[in-house]
Protein backbone atom coordinates (compact mmCIF):
# COMPACT_ATOMS: atom_id res chain seq x y z
CA MET A 1 184.76 116.46 357.14
CA PRO A 2 181.96 116.70 359.65
CA VAL A 3 179.65 118.25 357.20
CA HIS A 4 180.63 115.13 355.04
CA ASN A 5 180.77 112.44 357.63
CA PRO A 6 178.76 113.54 360.37
CA TYR A 7 178.51 111.84 363.93
CA LYS A 8 175.46 110.47 364.72
CA ASN A 9 175.03 109.88 368.83
CA ARG A 10 172.18 111.55 370.60
CA HIS A 11 174.43 112.82 373.39
CA SER A 12 176.49 114.62 370.79
CA HIS A 13 176.22 118.05 368.69
CA TYR A 14 178.55 119.69 367.49
CA GLY A 15 179.86 123.50 367.68
CA PRO A 16 180.12 126.44 365.57
CA ARG A 17 181.64 126.37 362.29
CA HIS A 18 184.11 128.69 361.32
CA HIS A 19 184.84 129.62 357.86
CA SER A 20 188.13 131.54 357.94
CA HIS A 21 191.07 131.63 360.39
CA GLU A 22 189.89 135.22 361.65
CA GLU A 23 186.51 134.18 362.47
CA ALA A 24 187.67 131.53 364.15
CA GLY A 25 190.25 133.24 366.45
CA HIS A 26 187.77 135.62 367.43
CA PHE A 27 185.72 132.33 368.75
CA TRP A 28 188.57 130.90 370.60
CA LYS A 29 189.98 134.41 371.68
CA GLN A 30 187.24 135.82 373.44
CA PRO A 31 187.22 135.93 377.85
CA ASN A 32 183.78 133.84 377.73
CA VAL A 33 185.24 130.90 375.01
CA GLU A 34 183.59 128.44 378.38
CA ALA A 35 180.09 129.69 378.34
CA ALA A 36 179.96 130.00 374.56
CA LEU A 37 181.09 126.02 374.33
CA GLY A 38 178.31 125.31 376.55
CA ASN A 39 180.42 125.15 379.69
CA SER A 40 181.73 121.85 379.21
CA ASP A 41 183.67 119.68 381.87
CA ILE A 42 186.52 119.13 379.31
CA ILE A 43 187.86 121.04 376.13
CA HIS A 44 190.43 119.01 373.66
CA SER A 45 192.57 121.03 371.82
CA ASN A 46 193.61 119.22 368.46
CA ASN A 47 195.34 121.62 367.02
CA PHE A 48 198.04 123.95 367.76
CA TRP A 49 196.45 126.60 369.30
CA CYS A 50 195.75 126.66 372.77
CA PRO A 51 193.43 128.68 374.58
CA THR A 52 194.72 130.42 378.11
CA GLN A 53 191.26 131.65 379.50
CA LEU A 54 190.01 128.42 380.69
CA GLN A 55 188.69 128.91 384.66
CA SER A 56 187.08 125.42 385.42
CA SER A 57 186.98 123.56 381.77
CA ARG A 58 190.10 121.12 381.84
CA LEU A 59 192.03 121.35 378.91
CA ILE A 60 193.60 118.50 377.50
CA TYR A 61 195.83 119.08 374.14
CA THR A 62 197.17 116.85 371.86
CA PHE A 63 200.71 117.84 371.04
CA TYR A 64 202.29 116.07 367.94
CA ASP A 65 205.93 117.20 367.30
CA MET A 66 208.30 120.76 367.77
CA ALA A 67 209.78 119.55 364.27
CA PHE A 68 209.71 123.25 363.34
CA ALA A 69 211.90 124.39 366.47
CA VAL A 70 214.09 121.51 365.54
CA ASN A 71 215.63 123.07 362.09
CA PRO A 72 215.11 126.11 361.01
CA GLU A 73 215.30 125.09 356.94
CA TRP A 74 212.16 122.43 357.87
CA THR A 75 209.41 125.42 357.28
CA THR A 76 208.96 129.38 357.32
CA GLU A 77 209.14 131.80 360.08
CA THR A 78 205.47 132.29 360.36
CA ASN A 79 204.64 129.03 360.56
CA ARG A 80 207.20 128.09 363.27
CA VAL A 81 206.43 131.52 365.47
CA ASN A 82 202.62 130.51 365.19
CA CYS A 83 202.83 126.47 366.12
CA PHE A 84 205.69 127.04 368.69
CA GLU A 85 203.31 130.26 370.68
CA GLY A 86 200.36 127.18 370.38
CA VAL A 87 202.32 124.51 372.50
CA PHE A 88 203.98 126.27 374.38
CA ARG A 89 200.99 127.85 375.89
CA SER A 90 199.91 124.19 376.72
CA SER A 91 203.14 124.29 378.75
CA ILE A 92 201.43 126.28 380.55
CA VAL A 93 198.08 125.97 381.08
CA ALA A 94 196.88 122.73 379.62
CA ASP A 95 195.67 120.18 382.24
CA TRP A 96 196.90 117.65 380.20
CA VAL A 97 199.02 116.88 377.46
CA VAL A 98 198.69 113.57 374.87
CA ALA A 99 202.04 112.72 372.96
CA ILE A 100 200.74 110.40 369.90
CA SER A 101 204.12 108.37 370.33
CA LYS A 102 207.21 108.27 373.09
CA ALA A 103 209.33 110.05 371.34
CA SER A 104 206.91 113.00 370.79
CA ARG A 105 206.89 113.13 374.66
CA ALA A 106 209.91 112.85 375.95
CA HIS A 107 210.73 115.93 372.67
CA TYR A 108 208.38 117.63 374.65
CA LEU A 109 209.60 117.39 378.24
CA GLU A 110 212.66 118.17 376.89
CA VAL A 111 211.80 121.39 375.59
CA PHE A 112 209.50 121.91 378.83
CA PRO A 113 210.46 120.68 381.62
CA HIS A 114 208.34 122.36 383.72
CA PHE A 115 205.25 120.52 382.58
CA PRO A 116 204.43 118.32 385.36
CA GLU A 117 205.51 114.73 383.84
CA ASP A 118 202.39 112.88 385.06
CA ARG A 119 200.25 114.45 383.14
CA ILE A 120 201.75 113.73 379.75
CA ARG A 121 200.40 110.61 378.56
CA VAL A 122 200.98 108.77 375.32
CA ILE A 123 198.39 107.77 373.05
CA TYR A 124 199.01 106.33 369.64
CA PRO A 125 196.90 107.32 366.63
CA CYS A 126 195.71 105.11 364.02
CA SER A 127 195.07 104.57 360.31
CA ARG A 128 191.83 106.35 358.93
CA PHE A 129 191.11 103.62 356.65
CA SER A 130 188.84 101.00 358.40
CA ASP A 131 188.57 98.32 356.09
CA SER A 132 192.01 96.79 354.95
CA PHE A 133 190.81 95.11 352.40
CA ARG A 134 189.66 98.24 350.17
CA LYS A 135 191.17 97.81 347.00
CA GLY A 136 191.13 101.36 346.05
CA LYS A 137 191.51 103.14 342.64
CA ARG A 138 194.38 103.33 340.55
CA PRO A 139 195.39 106.92 339.97
CA GLU A 140 195.30 108.36 336.00
CA ALA A 141 199.14 108.91 336.42
CA LEU A 142 199.79 105.48 336.56
CA GLU A 143 197.96 104.22 333.83
CA LYS A 144 200.75 102.99 332.32
CA ILE A 145 202.65 101.56 335.27
CA PRO A 146 202.36 98.26 335.51
CA THR A 147 200.85 96.68 339.14
CA GLY A 148 203.67 96.24 341.76
CA GLU A 149 206.23 98.01 339.53
CA PHE A 150 206.78 100.56 340.97
CA TRP A 151 208.39 102.45 344.09
CA LEU A 152 206.53 105.07 346.53
CA ASN A 153 206.48 107.74 348.58
CA VAL A 154 204.09 109.37 350.29
CA GLY A 155 204.09 112.72 351.99
CA THR A 156 203.89 116.37 351.04
CA ILE A 157 206.78 117.74 349.15
CA GLU A 158 208.56 119.45 351.78
CA PRO A 159 212.18 119.81 353.00
CA ARG A 160 211.43 117.75 356.34
CA LYS A 161 209.83 114.38 354.77
CA ASN A 162 213.69 114.66 353.16
CA GLN A 163 212.72 114.23 349.36
CA TYR A 164 215.77 115.61 348.13
CA HIS A 165 217.52 112.67 349.17
CA LEU A 166 215.98 110.49 348.25
CA ALA A 167 215.86 111.43 344.67
CA GLU A 168 219.10 111.26 345.04
CA ALA A 169 219.25 107.33 346.36
CA TYR A 170 217.16 106.60 343.69
CA ALA A 171 219.42 108.13 341.14
CA GLY A 172 222.42 105.88 342.66
CA TYR A 173 219.61 102.76 342.53
CA ALA A 174 218.82 103.69 338.52
CA GLN A 175 222.27 104.19 337.61
CA ARG A 176 223.27 100.52 338.53
CA VAL A 177 219.99 98.39 337.30
CA LYS A 178 218.97 98.10 334.27
CA TYR A 179 215.63 98.72 334.30
CA PRO A 180 214.92 100.52 337.19
CA MET A 181 211.55 100.95 338.38
CA PRO A 182 209.59 104.25 338.42
CA LEU A 183 209.25 106.49 342.07
CA VAL A 184 205.68 107.60 342.49
CA LEU A 185 205.64 110.55 344.50
CA ALA A 186 202.15 111.16 345.72
CA GLY A 187 201.70 114.61 348.07
CA GLY A 188 201.41 117.73 347.22
CA LYS A 189 204.00 120.85 346.90
CA GLY A 190 204.83 122.31 350.08
CA TRP A 191 207.00 124.95 351.18
CA LEU A 192 210.72 125.95 350.24
CA MET A 193 210.40 123.20 347.60
CA ASP A 194 210.97 125.54 344.35
CA GLY A 195 213.77 123.88 342.77
CA PHE A 196 212.87 120.17 343.75
CA LEU A 197 212.29 119.88 339.48
CA ASN A 198 215.29 121.45 338.86
CA HIS A 199 216.98 119.07 340.72
CA LEU A 200 215.19 116.10 339.65
CA ARG A 201 216.60 117.25 336.14
CA LYS A 202 220.41 117.67 337.42
CA LEU A 203 220.31 113.78 338.50
CA GLY A 204 218.76 112.64 335.77
CA ILE A 205 216.22 111.01 336.44
CA ALA A 206 213.61 113.24 336.04
CA ASP A 207 211.43 111.18 333.09
CA SER A 208 211.97 108.27 336.05
CA ILE A 209 209.49 110.15 338.92
CA ILE A 210 205.94 110.39 338.18
CA MET A 211 204.66 113.16 340.24
CA ALA A 212 200.90 112.24 341.13
CA GLY A 213 200.42 114.83 343.46
CA TYR A 214 198.04 115.02 346.04
CA VAL A 215 196.45 111.92 345.74
CA SER A 216 192.35 110.27 346.69
CA ASP A 217 192.16 108.02 349.53
CA ASP A 218 190.93 105.95 347.38
CA GLU A 219 193.61 105.99 345.04
CA LEU A 220 196.08 106.23 348.36
CA ILE A 221 194.67 102.73 349.04
CA TRP A 222 196.08 101.06 345.49
CA LEU A 223 199.10 103.32 345.45
CA TYR A 224 199.59 101.13 349.32
CA ARG A 225 198.51 97.88 347.75
CA ASN A 226 199.92 97.42 344.72
CA CYS A 227 203.44 99.53 344.89
CA TYR A 228 206.56 97.28 345.43
CA ALA A 229 207.91 99.20 348.69
CA ASN A 230 206.65 102.26 350.78
CA LEU A 231 209.73 104.44 350.55
CA TYR A 232 209.89 106.93 353.82
CA PRO A 233 213.00 108.79 354.45
CA SER A 234 211.44 111.30 357.10
CA LEU A 235 213.73 113.34 359.13
CA PHE A 236 211.47 113.98 361.49
CA GLU A 237 208.08 112.42 363.00
CA GLY A 238 205.83 112.92 365.70
CA PHE A 239 204.12 109.70 364.41
CA GLY A 240 204.58 108.61 360.66
CA LEU A 241 201.18 108.53 359.81
CA PRO A 242 202.37 106.99 356.09
CA VAL A 243 204.21 103.95 357.86
CA LEU A 244 201.33 102.63 359.95
CA GLU A 245 199.03 102.96 356.61
CA GLY A 246 201.08 101.30 353.97
CA MET A 247 201.84 98.56 356.30
CA GLN A 248 197.78 97.86 357.25
CA PHE A 249 197.70 97.58 352.66
CA GLY A 250 200.70 95.16 352.97
CA ALA A 251 203.20 97.88 351.32
CA PRO A 252 206.64 96.86 351.99
CA THR A 253 208.36 99.75 354.09
CA ILE A 254 211.92 100.91 354.08
CA THR A 255 212.01 104.04 356.29
CA SER A 256 214.20 106.11 358.87
CA LYS A 257 215.23 105.15 362.25
CA THR A 258 214.90 108.21 363.71
CA THR A 259 212.35 110.22 366.38
CA SER A 260 209.27 108.13 366.66
CA ILE A 261 209.21 105.52 363.45
CA PRO A 262 210.83 103.34 365.06
CA GLU A 263 207.58 103.26 367.03
CA VAL A 264 205.76 102.62 364.29
CA ALA A 265 207.39 100.28 362.10
CA GLY A 266 208.75 98.22 364.75
CA ASP A 267 210.85 94.88 363.31
CA ALA A 268 208.28 94.84 360.23
CA ALA A 269 210.36 97.35 358.42
CA LEU A 270 213.92 98.56 356.92
CA LEU A 271 214.92 101.02 359.17
CA LEU A 272 218.15 103.41 357.74
CA ASP A 273 219.60 106.57 358.70
CA PRO A 274 217.36 108.69 356.40
CA LYS A 275 220.82 111.05 355.64
CA ASP A 276 223.12 108.04 354.47
CA TYR A 277 222.48 108.13 350.88
CA GLU A 278 224.44 104.67 350.36
CA SER A 279 222.55 102.41 352.41
CA TRP A 280 218.84 104.10 350.86
CA VAL A 281 220.96 102.73 347.58
CA GLU A 282 221.80 99.60 348.53
CA ALA A 283 218.46 98.76 349.98
CA LEU A 284 216.48 99.86 346.58
CA LEU A 285 219.32 97.23 344.78
CA CYS A 286 218.66 94.18 348.27
CA ILE A 287 214.88 94.53 348.01
CA GLY A 288 214.14 95.40 344.42
CA GLY A 289 213.73 92.31 342.30
CA ASN A 290 213.96 90.09 345.05
CA TRP A 291 210.07 89.20 345.47
CA LYS A 292 210.81 86.25 348.40
CA LEU A 293 211.97 89.20 350.22
CA ARG A 294 209.46 91.66 349.08
CA ASN A 295 206.84 89.47 349.87
CA GLU A 296 207.85 88.39 353.68
CA MET A 297 208.31 92.03 354.45
CA SER A 298 204.70 92.77 352.83
CA LYS A 299 203.18 89.74 355.27
CA SER A 300 205.40 91.47 358.17
CA ALA A 301 203.67 94.60 357.47
CA ARG A 302 200.05 93.65 357.83
CA ASN A 303 200.76 91.89 361.20
CA ARG A 304 202.61 94.81 362.56
CA ALA A 305 199.95 97.15 361.39
CA LYS A 306 197.40 95.21 363.42
CA LYS A 307 198.88 96.40 366.78
CA PHE A 308 197.20 99.73 366.42
CA ASN A 309 193.78 99.98 366.85
CA TRP A 310 191.37 102.47 367.29
CA GLU A 311 189.11 100.80 370.12
CA GLN A 312 192.50 100.64 371.57
CA SER A 313 193.56 103.99 371.36
CA ALA A 314 189.90 105.53 371.85
CA THR A 315 189.78 103.23 375.76
CA ALA A 316 192.96 105.32 376.76
CA LEU A 317 191.46 108.23 375.95
CA LEU A 318 188.06 107.93 377.66
CA GLN A 319 190.21 106.49 380.49
CA LEU A 320 192.01 109.66 380.49
CA TYR A 321 188.65 112.35 380.40
CA ASN A 322 187.67 110.46 383.46
CA GLU A 323 191.04 110.92 384.52
CA ALA A 324 191.13 114.58 384.22
CA PHE A 325 187.66 115.04 385.17
CA ALA A 326 188.42 113.92 388.65
CA SER A 327 191.49 115.58 389.28
CA PRO A 328 192.09 119.49 390.76
CA LYS A 329 192.98 121.73 387.76
CA ARG A 330 196.32 122.25 387.09
CA LYS A 331 197.58 125.68 388.31
CA ALA A 332 198.37 127.91 385.22
CA ILE A 333 202.19 128.94 385.12
CA GLU A 334 202.39 133.24 385.26
């Protein structure tokens, strides 16, 4: 991303670019990594990896979520071990932790009660789309689908995102209406979902599901702007960015009432138990065809999205940088 979207500022410069996992690992594991980074006052880790060899630089670590530690069926063993190692290291050596939601902060402290509670700060991420009036581009997979006449689900097709249960709820809805709107799944194939297409066939809805695959940002904006409603039944989230981004473009939202999602959606979405099949069926039946309700939800969604903005989050992060720089370095746990 920095190559195509460079941040141009005379006080800023980019460090080394690593072209492989091995190259990156060698760089970050070297004993003198602080010197390699110019002896920075602050090093901010924005990935699951956490360096442990810093002697003077303040280490700030962004924590997203630990879904991989909640349910082993949501990911692979390799991913679970690698991610947990990074998060665990942060609990031992990080000077400060930035959690992307109150739910993530609470979960972090529950798993790592040894981490100082006053050194973990909640700073919300925001939409990557700066222009809320951008029209977007219709994906080729939806050329024959009328505008505003499809349900949408955005996210990698994987167990945690709960598309299996969404498909079952959609099947229940489709059985009870004469002309069901199609369901568009916008996202690449993730792990542990090899049987998903067979699942759709067994439910008898394969012909009503549009697998759009990975979509560009322009295509995603068009989907958000033109869907009948955005369906997001995720089982576990650190934040829930597709909820916020959909709301930004006026997508009426039906989503989960679990983990961090209520913090994002507030009272502007219909919040449901992601495992309660019947409640999702009833929601689709209630909102489907009720354009007055749908448009009211769209307006509420746009207003809710305005509460999350980068200026506010950037200001909070800058304040944390200043506080971290002025505070003593935390003594690492051995």
